[in-house]
Amino acid sequence: DIISPATINLVNPQFIDLQVPAGWAYATGGPRGLIMYNAGSSFKAFSRECPVELCANNLIVENDIKMVCPCDDYAFSILDGSPQTAGISVSVCEFRVTQINSTILSVTNF
């Protein structure tokens, strides 16, 4: 997937949960949107596009620990995008997150 650079401002109310470790939020960017995750010492950004099948719905975060495709219930780790469903070998597309300062994140391709 190709992403236009996205800027995330942690001060915005929609990103309040990203200010704490293990917090997550949906964001615009990428082909179908992003799932942003605070990994404690860094931030992660994953595409909301299911990597297994073309699906009309976006991945959703379930129980704060996994990303799930509502079309087929395939699950992926919110920590690294790895598949959590038996028989699935592809991971969710991850993008590079660079912390510009204490409140600004930049999301780009690796």
Protein backbone atom coordinates (compact mmCIF):
# COMPACT_ATOMS: atom_id res chain seq x y z
CA ASP A 1 0.00 0.00 0.00
CA ILE A 2 1.11 3.55 -0.71
CA ILE A 3 0.37 6.29 1.77
CA SER A 4 0.50 10.02 1.38
CA PRO A 5 2.29 11.46 4.39
CA ALA A 6 -0.16 11.85 7.27
CA THR A 7 0.31 14.10 10.28
CA ILE A 8 -1.16 13.12 13.64
CA ASN A 9 -1.45 15.81 16.32
CA LEU A 10 -1.74 14.08 19.70
CA VAL A 11 -3.39 17.21 21.16
CA ASN A 12 -6.49 16.69 18.98
CA PRO A 13 -9.34 15.16 21.04
CA GLN A 14 -9.70 12.23 18.62
CA PHE A 15 -6.15 11.12 19.54
CA ILE A 16 -6.40 11.50 23.34
CA ASP A 17 -6.11 7.72 23.81
CA LEU A 18 -2.81 7.72 21.89
CA GLN A 19 -1.21 9.76 24.68
CA VAL A 20 -0.93 6.67 26.93
CA PRO A 21 0.87 3.35 26.34
CA ALA A 22 -1.42 0.71 24.78
CA GLY A 23 -3.79 3.46 23.59
CA TRP A 24 -5.06 3.41 20.04
CA ALA A 25 -7.11 5.52 17.63
CA TYR A 26 -8.44 5.50 14.09
CA ALA A 27 -6.94 8.10 11.75
CA THR A 28 -7.24 9.17 8.14
CA GLY A 29 -4.50 8.16 5.73
CA GLY A 30 -3.53 5.18 3.65
CA PRO A 31 -5.91 3.56 1.19
CA ARG A 32 -8.64 2.81 3.80
CA GLY A 33 -7.61 4.70 6.94
CA LEU A 34 -5.15 3.94 9.72
CA ILE A 35 -5.10 2.31 13.12
CA MET A 36 -2.60 4.15 15.31
CA TYR A 37 -1.15 2.43 18.39
CA ASN A 38 1.03 3.69 21.26
CA ALA A 39 3.57 0.91 21.86
CA GLY A 40 5.06 2.67 24.89
CA SER A 41 8.44 3.71 23.52
CA SER A 42 7.18 4.22 19.96
CA PHE A 43 4.04 4.52 17.86
CA LYS A 44 2.71 2.11 15.23
CA ALA A 45 0.47 2.76 12.22
CA PHE A 46 -1.39 -0.01 10.41
CA SER A 47 -3.62 0.07 7.34
CA ARG A 48 -7.30 -0.63 8.04
CA GLU A 49 -7.39 -2.63 4.80
CA CYS A 50 -7.72 -6.40 5.35
CA PRO A 51 -4.59 -8.05 3.88
CA VAL A 52 -6.35 -11.35 3.17
CA GLU A 53 -9.39 -10.58 1.04
CA LEU A 54 -10.99 -7.62 -0.62
CA CYS A 55 -13.63 -6.54 1.85
CA ALA A 56 -15.97 -3.56 1.81
CA ASN A 57 -15.38 -2.94 5.53
CA ASN A 58 -12.29 -1.68 7.35
CA LEU A 59 -10.42 -3.51 10.08
CA ILE A 60 -11.72 -2.64 13.54
CA VAL A 61 -9.97 -2.78 16.92
CA GLU A 62 -11.46 -5.37 19.24
CA ASN A 63 -10.81 -5.59 23.00
CA ASP A 64 -7.92 -3.09 22.63
CA ILE A 65 -5.58 -5.94 21.61
CA LYS A 66 -6.38 -7.06 18.09
CA MET A 67 -7.49 -5.80 14.70
CA VAL A 68 -10.36 -7.79 13.19
CA CYS A 69 -11.81 -7.94 9.70
CA PRO A 70 -15.62 -7.75 10.05
CA CYS A 71 -16.08 -9.64 6.75
CA ASP A 72 -14.44 -12.89 7.83
CA ASP A 73 -13.31 -12.46 11.48
CA TYR A 74 -9.60 -12.73 10.60
CA ALA A 75 -7.65 -11.31 13.54
CA PHE A 76 -4.28 -9.54 13.65
CA SER A 77 -2.10 -8.36 16.55
CA ILE A 78 -2.28 -4.62 17.28
CA LEU A 79 1.35 -4.89 18.49
CA ASP A 80 2.92 -5.85 15.17
CA GLY A 81 0.15 -6.62 12.64
CA SER A 82 0.89 -10.36 12.65
CA PRO A 83 -1.94 -12.81 11.90
CA GLN A 84 -3.71 -14.32 14.92
CA THR A 85 -6.01 -16.62 12.92
CA ALA A 86 -4.88 -20.15 12.07
CA GLY A 87 -4.08 -20.64 8.39
CA ILE A 88 -3.40 -16.95 7.70
CA SER A 89 0.18 -16.05 6.83
CA VAL A 90 -0.03 -12.38 5.79
CA SER A 91 0.30 -9.44 8.16
CA VAL A 92 -1.46 -6.08 8.13
CA CYS A 93 0.43 -3.40 6.19
CA GLU A 94 2.45 -1.26 8.60
CA PHE A 95 3.67 2.27 7.95
CA ARG A 96 6.60 4.20 9.41
CA VAL A 97 5.80 6.57 12.28
CA THR A 98 8.27 9.32 13.09
CA GLN A 99 7.75 11.40 16.21
CA ILE A 100 8.50 15.00 15.18
CA ASN A 101 8.10 16.44 18.69
CA SER A 102 6.10 15.71 21.85
CA THR A 103 2.75 16.10 20.08
CA ILE A 104 3.28 15.57 16.33
CA LEU A 105 3.63 12.21 14.54
CA SER A 106 4.38 11.78 10.84
CA VAL A 107 3.17 8.61 9.09
CA THR A 108 4.87 7.60 5.81
CA ASN A 109 5.85 4.52 3.82
CA PHE A 110 8.91 2.66 5.06
